[in-house]
Amino acid sequence: QVQLVESGGGLVQAGGSLRLSCVASGRTFDSSTMGWFRQAPGKEREFVAAISWIGGSTHYADSVKGRFTISRDNVENTVYLQMNSLKPEDTAVYYCAAARWITVQEMSIMTTAGRSWGRGTQVTVSS
């Protein structure tokens, strides 16, 4: 399995930007599809964005399309989530996930089976 550690969360005003990072350890990172999910208080964890193992394919939730960008650096074993034009409804704990040999569309389905997860980083957007 891949071990994942997220960072970059914080408090930001509406309209601002943050960049989240997820550093992976383990030999399977470069063959893993990576994803970002988020969970707001009292709500279920939901898909945000995914990127294929070579970075050629990406997939986004409709709620973040055009505002968030996922990218990865397979040399640095890191996946990023650039978040622009943040809204108060983006407030949540953001989690990084990894899974081998699945498509970005399959990553968008929320499941814990066959995936590695980080512990999350808090993002708070004030109005």
Foldseek 3Di string as FASTA:
>chain_A
DKAKAKDWADEEAAQAKIKMKIAIDDDCLLQKKKFKWWDDPPGDIAGAKIAGSVRPDIDGDPVQPPFWDWGDDVVRRMIMIIGGRDDQVVWTWMKMKIAGDDDRVVVRDDDPPRMHIYPTDTHGYHD
